[in-house]
Amino acid sequence: MRRPRVALAAAFAAASVSACAPQAPAVDAEKLRRARMMEDLMTGRGAVGGPFTLTDHHGARRSLAEFRGRLVLLYFGYTFCPDVCPTDLVELGALLRRLGRDARRVQVLFVTLDPERDSAKHLEAYLGAFDGRILGLTGEAQEVRAVARRYKAYFAKVPAGSTYLVEHSANFYLIDGQGGFAGSLPPGTKAERLEDIVREHLAAR
């Protein structure tokens, strides 16, 4: 059966770097790296996705393979994000509630891009405010970076006074029941649209 296609909206994807960080001058090489990652994701150039293992917010090691048979919605963000992440998490929580019993066939994974500050306990409390079924994942900095690279998710620390914010792309990634990349949707996608896409995938299986 043909797998549903998720359209990559270029206008949205081009602006998919989160406003979680203030405007700041960027090194040309960093701008180029970000642009290339966004282009690769939009055009499907090169491999996107793949297996990974991280630590969940209960302290257990979890691999993507454990969710075989379920549609996975993968999101990269961090708990100190002031706007885009909580906005998108509201929609993901609303999606799970709209799905009703079908939510059991879906797993939402939130990978923190700020493992230094996002402890497992903090992730659990933060995500629970949106929906307790959203599973937070963290790990060593190099582990997180490796997963982000596989999914062409851009992120970089940006100084903000005495602390920092994390500038990052904020796409919703869909991973099919066999662990394969099935497409992405731009930040700000509403729960109603997410539900339409999710139900298309569930019906095609």
N, C-alpha and C. Protein backbone atom coordinates (compact mmCIF):
# COMPACT_ATOMS: atom_id res chain seq x y z
N MET A 1 0.86 -1.20 0.00
CA MET A 1 0.00 0.00 0.00
C MET A 1 0.89 1.24 0.00
N ARG A 2 0.55 2.23 -0.78
CA ARG A 2 1.39 3.40 -0.89
C ARG A 2 1.35 4.21 0.40
N ARG A 3 2.53 4.59 0.87
CA ARG A 3 2.63 5.38 2.09
C ARG A 3 2.21 6.81 1.82
N PRO A 4 1.40 7.43 2.70
CA PRO A 4 1.01 8.82 2.49
C PRO A 4 2.23 9.71 2.44
N ARG A 5 2.17 10.75 1.63
CA ARG A 5 3.30 11.67 1.54
C ARG A 5 3.00 12.90 2.37
N VAL A 6 4.02 13.39 3.07
CA VAL A 6 3.90 14.62 3.84
C VAL A 6 4.57 15.72 3.04
N ALA A 7 3.84 16.73 2.65
CA ALA A 7 4.40 17.82 1.86
C ALA A 7 5.32 18.65 2.73
N LEU A 8 6.48 18.97 2.19
CA LEU A 8 7.42 19.84 2.87
C LEU A 8 7.16 21.26 2.39
N ALA A 9 6.59 22.08 3.23
CA ALA A 9 6.25 23.44 2.82
C ALA A 9 7.49 24.31 2.89
N ALA A 10 8.01 24.69 1.73
CA ALA A 10 9.29 25.39 1.68
C ALA A 10 9.25 26.71 2.44
N ALA A 11 8.14 27.43 2.31
CA ALA A 11 8.08 28.72 2.97
C ALA A 11 8.18 28.59 4.47
N PHE A 12 7.55 27.55 5.03
CA PHE A 12 7.62 27.33 6.46
C PHE A 12 8.97 26.75 6.87
N ALA A 13 9.45 25.79 6.10
CA ALA A 13 10.70 25.13 6.47
C ALA A 13 11.85 26.09 6.43
N ALA A 14 11.82 27.04 5.51
CA ALA A 14 12.90 28.01 5.43
C ALA A 14 12.94 28.87 6.68
N ALA A 15 11.79 28.99 7.35
CA ALA A 15 11.72 29.79 8.57
C ALA A 15 11.63 28.91 9.79
N SER A 16 12.06 27.65 9.67
CA SER A 16 11.85 26.70 10.76
C SER A 16 12.89 26.75 11.85
N VAL A 17 13.80 27.71 11.81
CA VAL A 17 14.69 27.89 12.94
C VAL A 17 13.94 28.68 13.99
N SER A 18 13.86 28.08 15.17
CA SER A 18 13.03 28.61 16.23
C SER A 18 13.45 29.99 16.68
N ALA A 19 12.47 30.79 17.07
CA ALA A 19 12.73 32.08 17.67
C ALA A 19 13.06 31.93 19.13
N CYS A 20 13.54 30.76 19.54
CA CYS A 20 13.93 30.54 20.92
C CYS A 20 15.21 31.27 21.26
N ALA A 21 15.81 31.94 20.30
CA ALA A 21 17.04 32.68 20.55
C ALA A 21 16.92 34.06 19.94
N PRO A 22 17.56 35.06 20.55
CA PRO A 22 17.50 36.41 20.02
C PRO A 22 18.28 36.52 18.72
N GLN A 23 18.01 37.56 17.95
CA GLN A 23 18.77 37.80 16.74
C GLN A 23 20.21 38.11 17.13
N ALA A 24 21.16 37.47 16.46
CA ALA A 24 22.56 37.70 16.77
C ALA A 24 23.37 37.43 15.51
N PRO A 25 24.47 38.16 15.34
CA PRO A 25 25.31 37.91 14.17
C PRO A 25 25.78 36.46 14.17
N ALA A 26 25.79 35.82 13.01
CA ALA A 26 26.21 34.43 12.92
C ALA A 26 27.41 34.33 12.00
N VAL A 27 28.29 33.42 12.29
CA VAL A 27 29.43 33.16 11.43
C VAL A 27 28.91 32.63 10.10
N ASP A 28 29.50 33.07 8.99
CA ASP A 28 29.03 32.65 7.68
C ASP A 28 28.97 31.14 7.55
N ALA A 29 29.97 30.44 8.06
CA ALA A 29 29.99 28.98 7.96
C ALA A 29 28.81 28.36 8.68
N GLU A 30 28.41 28.94 9.80
CA GLU A 30 27.29 28.42 10.56
C GLU A 30 25.99 28.66 9.81
N LYS A 31 25.86 29.82 9.18
CA LYS A 31 24.67 30.11 8.37
C LYS A 31 24.57 29.12 7.21
N LEU A 32 25.70 28.84 6.60
CA LEU A 32 25.72 27.92 5.48
C LEU A 32 25.34 26.51 5.92
N ARG A 33 25.85 26.09 7.07
CA ARG A 33 25.52 24.76 7.58
C ARG A 33 24.02 24.64 7.85
N ARG A 34 23.45 25.67 8.45
CA ARG A 34 22.02 25.67 8.74
C ARG A 34 21.21 25.62 7.45
N ALA A 35 21.59 26.43 6.47
CA ALA A 35 20.86 26.48 5.20
C ALA A 35 20.92 25.13 4.48
N ARG A 36 22.09 24.49 4.52
CA ARG A 36 22.23 23.20 3.85
C ARG A 36 21.38 22.13 4.51
N MET A 37 21.32 22.15 5.84
CA MET A 37 20.50 21.17 6.54
C MET A 37 19.03 21.36 6.21
N MET A 38 18.58 22.61 6.18
CA MET A 38 17.19 22.89 5.87
C MET A 38 16.87 22.47 4.43
N GLU A 39 17.79 22.75 3.52
CA GLU A 39 17.57 22.37 2.12
C GLU A 39 17.52 20.86 1.97
N ASP A 40 18.44 20.16 2.65
CA ASP A 40 18.44 18.70 2.58
C ASP A 40 17.13 18.12 3.07
N LEU A 41 16.61 18.68 4.16
CA LEU A 41 15.35 18.19 4.71
C LEU A 41 14.18 18.46 3.77
N MET A 42 14.16 19.68 3.21
CA MET A 42 13.06 20.06 2.33
C MET A 42 13.03 19.24 1.05
N THR A 43 14.20 18.99 0.49
CA THR A 43 14.26 18.34 -0.81
C THR A 43 14.39 16.83 -0.71
N GLY A 44 14.63 16.33 0.51
CA GLY A 44 14.82 14.89 0.67
C GLY A 44 16.16 14.43 0.16
N ARG A 45 17.11 15.37 0.04
CA ARG A 45 18.43 15.03 -0.45
C ARG A 45 19.24 14.36 0.66
N GLY A 46 19.75 13.19 0.38
CA GLY A 46 20.52 12.48 1.39
C GLY A 46 19.60 11.77 2.38
N ALA A 47 20.17 10.88 3.14
CA ALA A 47 19.38 10.12 4.12
C ALA A 47 18.95 11.00 5.28
N VAL A 48 17.72 10.80 5.72
CA VAL A 48 17.19 11.48 6.90
C VAL A 48 16.75 10.42 7.88
N GLY A 49 17.15 10.56 9.14
CA GLY A 49 16.71 9.64 10.17
C GLY A 49 17.61 8.45 10.34
N GLY A 50 17.13 7.51 11.14
CA GLY A 50 17.89 6.31 11.43
C GLY A 50 17.77 5.93 12.89
N PRO A 51 18.27 4.76 13.25
CA PRO A 51 18.14 4.28 14.63
C PRO A 51 18.94 5.12 15.61
N PHE A 52 18.47 5.15 16.84
CA PHE A 52 19.21 5.85 17.90
C PHE A 52 18.80 5.29 19.25
N THR A 53 19.62 5.54 20.23
CA THR A 53 19.33 5.18 21.62
C THR A 53 19.67 6.35 22.52
N LEU A 54 18.72 6.76 23.35
CA LEU A 54 18.92 7.84 24.30
C LEU A 54 18.32 7.41 25.65
N THR A 55 18.37 8.29 26.61
CA THR A 55 17.85 8.00 27.95
C THR A 55 16.52 8.72 28.16
N ASP A 56 15.49 8.00 28.58
CA ASP A 56 14.19 8.66 28.75
C ASP A 56 14.12 9.39 30.09
N HIS A 57 13.00 10.10 30.30
CA HIS A 57 12.92 10.93 31.50
C HIS A 57 12.65 10.13 32.77
N HIS A 58 12.63 8.79 32.64
CA HIS A 58 12.58 7.93 33.83
C HIS A 58 13.95 7.34 34.13
N GLY A 59 14.93 7.67 33.28
CA GLY A 59 16.29 7.19 33.48
C GLY A 59 16.62 5.90 32.75
N ALA A 60 15.70 5.40 31.93
CA ALA A 60 15.92 4.14 31.19
C ALA A 60 16.45 4.43 29.78
N ARG A 61 17.34 3.58 29.32
CA ARG A 61 17.82 3.70 27.95
C ARG A 61 16.74 3.19 27.00
N ARG A 62 16.44 3.98 25.98
CA ARG A 62 15.37 3.65 25.05
C ARG A 62 15.88 3.79 23.61
N SER A 63 15.59 2.79 22.80
CA SER A 63 15.98 2.84 21.40
C SER A 63 14.74 3.08 20.54
N LEU A 64 14.95 3.65 19.37
CA LEU A 64 13.84 3.87 18.45
C LEU A 64 13.17 2.56 18.09
N ALA A 65 13.93 1.49 18.04
CA ALA A 65 13.39 0.18 17.67
C ALA A 65 12.29 -0.29 18.61
N GLU A 66 12.30 0.19 19.86
CA GLU A 66 11.28 -0.21 20.83
C GLU A 66 9.88 0.24 20.43
N PHE A 67 9.81 1.23 19.55
CA PHE A 67 8.51 1.79 19.16
C PHE A 67 8.04 1.27 17.81
N ARG A 68 8.68 0.19 17.32
CA ARG A 68 8.24 -0.43 16.08
C ARG A 68 6.76 -0.81 16.19
N GLY A 69 6.04 -0.57 15.11
CA GLY A 69 4.61 -0.87 15.11
C GLY A 69 3.77 0.35 15.45
N ARG A 70 4.41 1.38 15.98
CA ARG A 70 3.71 2.63 16.26
C ARG A 70 4.24 3.74 15.36
N LEU A 71 3.39 4.71 15.06
CA LEU A 71 3.83 5.90 14.36
C LEU A 71 4.48 6.82 15.38
N VAL A 72 5.69 7.26 15.11
CA VAL A 72 6.41 8.13 16.04
C VAL A 72 6.42 9.55 15.51
N LEU A 73 6.11 10.49 16.39
CA LEU A 73 6.28 11.91 16.10
C LEU A 73 7.46 12.38 16.93
N LEU A 74 8.51 12.79 16.26
CA LEU A 74 9.76 13.18 16.91
C LEU A 74 9.92 14.69 16.84
N TYR A 75 10.28 15.28 17.99
CA TYR A 75 10.42 16.74 18.05
C TYR A 75 11.68 17.07 18.84
N PHE A 76 12.48 18.01 18.33
CA PHE A 76 13.69 18.46 19.01
C PHE A 76 13.44 19.84 19.61
N GLY A 77 13.76 19.99 20.89
CA GLY A 77 13.57 21.28 21.55
C GLY A 77 14.29 21.31 22.88
N TYR A 78 13.86 22.22 23.76
CA TYR A 78 14.44 22.25 25.10
C TYR A 78 13.48 22.98 26.02
N THR A 79 13.58 22.70 27.31
CA THR A 79 12.56 23.17 28.24
C THR A 79 12.64 24.66 28.55
N PHE A 80 13.79 25.29 28.31
CA PHE A 80 13.92 26.72 28.57
C PHE A 80 13.52 27.56 27.36
N CYS A 81 13.08 26.91 26.31
CA CYS A 81 12.61 27.59 25.10
C CYS A 81 11.41 28.48 25.46
N PRO A 82 11.48 29.77 25.16
CA PRO A 82 10.43 30.68 25.61
C PRO A 82 9.16 30.70 24.78
N ASP A 83 9.18 30.18 23.56
CA ASP A 83 7.99 30.34 22.73
C ASP A 83 7.65 29.16 21.82
N VAL A 84 8.51 28.84 20.87
CA VAL A 84 8.14 27.86 19.86
C VAL A 84 7.89 26.48 20.46
N CYS A 85 8.79 26.00 21.31
CA CYS A 85 8.64 24.65 21.87
C CYS A 85 7.33 24.49 22.66
N PRO A 86 7.05 25.37 23.63
CA PRO A 86 5.78 25.18 24.34
C PRO A 86 4.56 25.30 23.44
N THR A 87 4.64 26.16 22.44
CA THR A 87 3.51 26.29 21.51
C THR A 87 3.28 24.99 20.76
N ASP A 88 4.37 24.39 20.26
CA ASP A 88 4.23 23.13 19.53
C ASP A 88 3.85 21.97 20.44
N LEU A 89 4.32 21.99 21.67
CA LEU A 89 3.95 20.93 22.62
C LEU A 89 2.47 21.00 22.98
N VAL A 90 1.91 22.18 23.03
CA VAL A 90 0.46 22.32 23.24
C VAL A 90 -0.27 21.59 22.12
N GLU A 91 0.19 21.77 20.88
CA GLU A 91 -0.46 21.12 19.75
C GLU A 91 -0.28 19.60 19.79
N LEU A 92 0.89 19.14 20.20
CA LEU A 92 1.12 17.70 20.30
C LEU A 92 0.24 17.08 21.38
N GLY A 93 0.09 17.77 22.50
CA GLY A 93 -0.81 17.28 23.54
C GLY A 93 -2.25 17.24 23.05
N ALA A 94 -2.64 18.29 22.33
CA ALA A 94 -4.00 18.33 21.78
C ALA A 94 -4.20 17.22 20.76
N LEU A 95 -3.17 16.93 19.98
CA LEU A 95 -3.25 15.83 19.01
C LEU A 95 -3.55 14.51 19.70
N LEU A 96 -2.82 14.20 20.75
CA LEU A 96 -3.03 12.94 21.45
C LEU A 96 -4.45 12.83 22.00
N ARG A 97 -4.98 13.92 22.48
CA ARG A 97 -6.35 13.89 23.01
C ARG A 97 -7.37 13.75 21.87
N ARG A 98 -7.11 14.38 20.74
CA ARG A 98 -8.02 14.27 19.59
C ARG A 98 -8.03 12.85 19.03
N LEU A 99 -6.92 12.15 19.13
CA LEU A 99 -6.83 10.80 18.59
C LEU A 99 -7.63 9.77 19.38
N GLY A 100 -7.94 10.09 20.61
CA GLY A 100 -8.70 9.15 21.44
C GLY A 100 -7.98 7.83 21.59
N ARG A 101 -8.68 6.73 21.34
CA ARG A 101 -8.09 5.39 21.49
C ARG A 101 -6.93 5.16 20.53
N ASP A 102 -6.94 5.85 19.39
CA ASP A 102 -5.86 5.67 18.42
C ASP A 102 -4.53 6.24 18.90
N ALA A 103 -4.56 7.02 19.97
CA ALA A 103 -3.31 7.55 20.52
C ALA A 103 -2.38 6.43 20.96
N ARG A 104 -2.94 5.24 21.24
CA ARG A 104 -2.11 4.11 21.64
C ARG A 104 -1.22 3.63 20.51
N ARG A 105 -1.56 4.01 19.29
CA ARG A 105 -0.78 3.61 18.11
C ARG A 105 0.27 4.65 17.73
N VAL A 106 0.40 5.66 18.57
CA VAL A 106 1.31 6.79 18.29
C VAL A 106 2.20 7.03 19.50
N GLN A 107 3.45 7.39 19.26
CA GLN A 107 4.34 7.78 20.34
C GLN A 107 4.99 9.11 20.00
N VAL A 108 4.83 10.08 20.90
CA VAL A 108 5.50 11.38 20.73
C VAL A 108 6.78 11.36 21.54
N LEU A 109 7.89 11.68 20.88
CA LEU A 109 9.20 11.74 21.53
C LEU A 109 9.73 13.16 21.46
N PHE A 110 10.19 13.67 22.59
CA PHE A 110 10.77 15.01 22.68
C PHE A 110 12.24 14.86 23.04
N VAL A 111 13.13 15.19 22.10
CA VAL A 111 14.57 15.10 22.35
C VAL A 111 15.10 16.47 22.75
N THR A 112 15.65 16.57 23.95
CA THR A 112 16.18 17.85 24.39
C THR A 112 17.49 18.17 23.68
N LEU A 113 17.63 19.40 23.27
CA LEU A 113 18.86 19.90 22.67
C LEU A 113 19.71 20.63 23.71
N ASP A 114 19.29 20.51 24.97
CA ASP A 114 19.99 21.19 26.06
C ASP A 114 20.18 20.22 27.22
N PRO A 115 20.91 19.11 26.98
CA PRO A 115 21.05 18.09 28.03
C PRO A 115 21.77 18.59 29.28
N GLU A 116 22.52 19.67 29.16
CA GLU A 116 23.22 20.21 30.32
C GLU A 116 22.24 20.69 31.39
N ARG A 117 21.14 21.28 30.97
CA ARG A 117 20.16 21.82 31.93
C ARG A 117 18.92 20.96 32.07
N ASP A 118 18.59 20.20 31.02
CA ASP A 118 17.36 19.41 31.04
C ASP A 118 17.60 18.03 31.65
N SER A 119 17.55 17.96 32.95
CA SER A 119 17.68 16.67 33.63
C SER A 119 16.45 15.81 33.36
N ALA A 120 16.56 14.52 33.62
CA ALA A 120 15.43 13.62 33.42
C ALA A 120 14.24 14.07 34.26
N LYS A 121 14.49 14.45 35.51
CA LYS A 121 13.40 14.88 36.39
C LYS A 121 12.74 16.14 35.87
N HIS A 122 13.55 17.06 35.38
CA HIS A 122 13.00 18.32 34.86
C HIS A 122 12.19 18.06 33.59
N LEU A 123 12.70 17.19 32.73
CA LEU A 123 11.96 16.84 31.51
C LEU A 123 10.60 16.24 31.83
N GLU A 124 10.57 15.33 32.80
CA GLU A 124 9.31 14.67 33.15
C GLU A 124 8.28 15.68 33.62
N ALA A 125 8.70 16.59 34.51
CA ALA A 125 7.76 17.60 35.02
C ALA A 125 7.29 18.54 33.92
N TYR A 126 8.21 18.95 33.08
CA TYR A 126 7.89 19.90 32.01
C TYR A 126 6.91 19.29 31.01
N LEU A 127 7.22 18.10 30.52
CA LEU A 127 6.37 17.47 29.51
C LEU A 127 5.02 17.04 30.07
N GLY A 128 5.01 16.69 31.35
CA GLY A 128 3.75 16.31 31.98
C GLY A 128 2.73 17.42 31.97
N ALA A 129 3.20 18.66 31.90
CA ALA A 129 2.27 19.79 31.87
C ALA A 129 1.51 19.86 30.54
N PHE A 130 2.03 19.20 29.50
CA PHE A 130 1.38 19.19 28.19
C PHE A 130 0.60 17.90 27.96
N ASP A 131 1.23 16.77 28.22
CA ASP A 131 0.56 15.47 28.18
C ASP A 131 1.54 14.43 28.69
N GLY A 132 1.13 13.66 29.67
CA GLY A 132 2.01 12.68 30.28
C GLY A 132 2.46 11.57 29.35
N ARG A 133 1.85 11.46 28.18
CA ARG A 133 2.24 10.42 27.22
C ARG A 133 3.42 10.84 26.34
N ILE A 134 3.80 12.10 26.41
CA ILE A 134 4.97 12.57 25.66
C ILE A 134 6.22 12.12 26.41
N LEU A 135 7.10 11.42 25.72
CA LEU A 135 8.28 10.87 26.37
C LEU A 135 9.49 11.74 26.07
N GLY A 136 10.15 12.20 27.12
CA GLY A 136 11.35 13.02 26.96
C GLY A 136 12.58 12.16 26.85
N LEU A 137 13.51 12.56 25.98
CA LEU A 137 14.75 11.83 25.78
C LEU A 137 15.94 12.77 25.92
N THR A 138 16.99 12.28 26.56
CA THR A 138 18.21 13.06 26.74
C THR A 138 19.40 12.12 26.63
N GLY A 139 20.58 12.64 26.86
CA GLY A 139 21.79 11.83 26.78
C GLY A 139 23.00 12.71 26.90
N GLU A 140 24.16 12.13 26.68
CA GLU A 140 25.38 12.93 26.63
C GLU A 140 25.28 13.88 25.43
N ALA A 141 25.98 15.01 25.54
CA ALA A 141 25.91 16.03 24.49
C ALA A 141 26.21 15.45 23.12
N GLN A 142 27.23 14.59 23.03
CA GLN A 142 27.59 14.03 21.72
C GLN A 142 26.53 13.07 21.20
N GLU A 143 25.82 12.38 22.10
CA GLU A 143 24.74 11.49 21.68
C GLU A 143 23.60 12.29 21.07
N VAL A 144 23.23 13.37 21.75
CA VAL A 144 22.14 14.22 21.27
C VAL A 144 22.50 14.84 19.93
N ARG A 145 23.73 15.32 19.82
CA ARG A 145 24.16 15.94 18.56
C ARG A 145 24.13 14.94 17.41
N ALA A 146 24.51 13.70 17.67
CA ALA A 146 24.51 12.67 16.63
C ALA A 146 23.09 12.41 16.13
N VAL A 147 22.12 12.35 17.04
CA VAL A 147 20.74 12.13 16.64
C VAL A 147 20.21 13.32 15.84
N ALA A 148 20.51 14.53 16.31
CA ALA A 148 20.06 15.73 15.60
C ALA A 148 20.63 15.76 14.18
N ARG A 149 21.88 15.39 14.03
CA ARG A 149 22.48 15.37 12.69
C ARG A 149 21.79 14.37 11.78
N ARG A 150 21.44 13.21 12.32
CA ARG A 150 20.77 12.20 11.50
C ARG A 150 19.44 12.72 10.95
N TYR A 151 18.77 13.54 11.76
CA TYR A 151 17.47 14.06 11.34
C TYR A 151 17.56 15.47 10.76
N LYS A 152 18.79 15.92 10.53
CA LYS A 152 19.04 17.23 9.95
C LYS A 152 18.34 18.34 10.75
N ALA A 153 18.46 18.21 12.07
CA ALA A 153 17.90 19.21 12.99
C ALA A 153 19.04 20.13 13.43
N TYR A 154 18.92 21.38 13.08
CA TYR A 154 19.95 22.37 13.41
C TYR A 154 19.77 22.87 14.84
N PHE A 155 20.88 23.09 15.56
CA PHE A 155 20.81 23.79 16.84
C PHE A 155 22.17 24.38 17.18
N ALA A 156 22.14 25.48 17.95
CA ALA A 156 23.37 26.14 18.38
C ALA A 156 23.06 27.00 19.60
N LYS A 157 24.00 27.04 20.54
CA LYS A 157 23.84 27.89 21.71
C LYS A 157 24.06 29.35 21.31
N VAL A 158 23.26 30.23 21.91
CA VAL A 158 23.38 31.67 21.69
C VAL A 158 23.43 32.35 23.04
N PRO A 159 24.50 33.11 23.34
CA PRO A 159 24.58 33.80 24.63
C PRO A 159 23.38 34.71 24.86
N ALA A 160 22.90 34.75 26.10
CA ALA A 160 21.79 35.62 26.48
C ALA A 160 22.05 36.12 27.90
N GLY A 161 22.76 37.23 28.01
CA GLY A 161 23.12 37.75 29.32
C GLY A 161 24.09 36.81 30.01
N SER A 162 23.73 36.40 31.22
CA SER A 162 24.60 35.50 31.99
C SER A 162 24.34 34.03 31.68
N THR A 163 23.39 33.76 30.79
CA THR A 163 23.06 32.37 30.46
C THR A 163 23.07 32.21 28.93
N TYR A 164 22.29 31.30 28.42
CA TYR A 164 22.23 31.09 26.98
C TYR A 164 20.86 30.56 26.60
N LEU A 165 20.52 30.74 25.34
CA LEU A 165 19.36 30.11 24.74
C LEU A 165 19.87 29.18 23.64
N VAL A 166 18.99 28.37 23.09
CA VAL A 166 19.37 27.45 22.03
C VAL A 166 18.56 27.77 20.78
N GLU A 167 19.26 28.25 19.76
CA GLU A 167 18.61 28.47 18.48
C GLU A 167 18.48 27.10 17.81
N HIS A 168 17.31 26.79 17.29
CA HIS A 168 17.14 25.45 16.71
C HIS A 168 16.00 25.39 15.71
N SER A 169 16.10 24.42 14.82
CA SER A 169 14.98 24.14 13.93
C SER A 169 13.91 23.41 14.75
N ALA A 170 12.69 23.48 14.29
CA ALA A 170 11.59 22.96 15.12
C ALA A 170 10.55 22.23 14.28
N ASN A 171 11.01 21.29 13.48
CA ASN A 171 10.09 20.51 12.66
C ASN A 171 9.50 19.34 13.45
N PHE A 172 8.34 18.88 13.00
CA PHE A 172 7.76 17.63 13.50
C PHE A 172 8.20 16.53 12.52
N TYR A 173 8.88 15.52 13.02
CA TYR A 173 9.32 14.41 12.17
C TYR A 173 8.38 13.22 12.36
N LEU A 174 7.99 12.61 11.25
CA LEU A 174 7.17 11.40 11.31
C LEU A 174 8.03 10.19 10.98
N ILE A 175 7.94 9.18 11.83
CA ILE A 175 8.70 7.94 11.66
C ILE A 175 7.69 6.81 11.62
N ASP A 176 7.74 6.02 10.56
CA ASP A 176 6.72 4.99 10.38
C ASP A 176 6.94 3.79 11.31
N GLY A 177 6.05 2.84 11.22
CA GLY A 177 6.07 1.69 12.13
C GLY A 177 7.27 0.80 11.97
N GLN A 178 8.04 0.99 10.89
CA GLN A 178 9.26 0.21 10.66
C GLN A 178 10.51 1.01 11.02
N GLY A 179 10.31 2.21 11.55
CA GLY A 179 11.44 3.03 11.96
C GLY A 179 12.00 3.91 10.86
N GLY A 180 11.30 3.99 9.72
CA GLY A 180 11.78 4.79 8.60
C GLY A 180 11.21 6.21 8.61
N PHE A 181 11.99 7.15 8.12
CA PHE A 181 11.56 8.54 8.02
C PHE A 181 10.39 8.64 7.04
N ALA A 182 9.29 9.25 7.48
CA ALA A 182 8.08 9.32 6.66
C ALA A 182 7.71 10.75 6.28
N GLY A 183 8.52 11.72 6.66
CA GLY A 183 8.26 13.11 6.28
C GLY A 183 8.35 14.04 7.48
N SER A 184 8.18 15.32 7.22
CA SER A 184 8.22 16.31 8.31
C SER A 184 7.19 17.40 8.06
N LEU A 185 6.83 18.06 9.12
CA LEU A 185 5.90 19.18 9.07
C LEU A 185 6.55 20.37 9.77
N PRO A 186 6.22 21.59 9.36
CA PRO A 186 6.89 22.77 9.91
C PRO A 186 6.42 23.12 11.31
N PRO A 187 7.22 23.90 12.03
CA PRO A 187 6.79 24.37 13.35
C PRO A 187 5.50 25.18 13.22
N GLY A 188 4.71 25.13 14.26
CA GLY A 188 3.45 25.87 14.23
C GLY A 188 2.29 25.10 13.62
N THR A 189 2.54 23.86 13.17
CA THR A 189 1.45 23.06 12.61
C THR A 189 0.42 22.78 13.69
N LYS A 190 -0.83 23.01 13.39
CA LYS A 190 -1.90 22.87 14.37
C LYS A 190 -2.30 21.40 14.58
N ALA A 191 -2.90 21.14 15.72
CA ALA A 191 -3.29 19.78 16.07
C ALA A 191 -4.22 19.17 15.03
N GLU A 192 -5.10 19.98 14.46
CA GLU A 192 -6.04 19.47 13.46
C GLU A 192 -5.29 18.92 12.24
N ARG A 193 -4.27 19.66 11.79
CA ARG A 193 -3.49 19.22 10.64
C ARG A 193 -2.64 18.00 11.00
N LEU A 194 -2.05 18.02 12.19
CA LEU A 194 -1.29 16.86 12.64
C LEU A 194 -2.18 15.62 12.68
N GLU A 195 -3.41 15.79 13.15
CA GLU A 195 -4.33 14.66 13.22
C GLU A 195 -4.63 14.11 11.82
N ASP A 196 -4.86 15.01 10.86
CA ASP A 196 -5.14 14.56 9.49
C ASP A 196 -4.00 13.68 8.97
N ILE A 197 -2.77 14.16 9.14
CA ILE A 197 -1.59 13.43 8.65
C ILE A 197 -1.43 12.10 9.38
N VAL A 198 -1.57 12.13 10.70
CA VAL A 198 -1.41 10.91 11.50
C VAL A 198 -2.46 9.88 11.11
N ARG A 199 -3.69 10.29 10.96
CA ARG A 199 -4.76 9.34 10.61
C ARG A 199 -4.52 8.77 9.20
N GLU A 200 -3.98 9.55 8.29
CA GLU A 200 -3.65 9.02 6.96
C GLU A 200 -2.65 7.89 7.09
N HIS A 201 -1.63 8.09 7.89
CA HIS A 201 -0.61 7.06 8.08
C HIS A 201 -1.17 5.83 8.77
N LEU A 202 -2.00 6.04 9.78
CA LEU A 202 -2.57 4.90 10.50
C LEU A 202 -3.50 4.10 9.59
N ALA A 203 -4.25 4.78 8.75
CA ALA A 203 -5.18 4.09 7.86
C ALA A 203 -4.46 3.31 6.77
N ALA A 204 -3.24 3.75 6.42
CA ALA A 204 -2.50 3.10 5.35
C ALA A 204 -1.76 1.85 5.81
N ARG A 205 -1.76 1.60 7.10
CA ARG A 205 -1.00 0.44 7.62
C ARG A 205 -1.89 -0.79 7.71
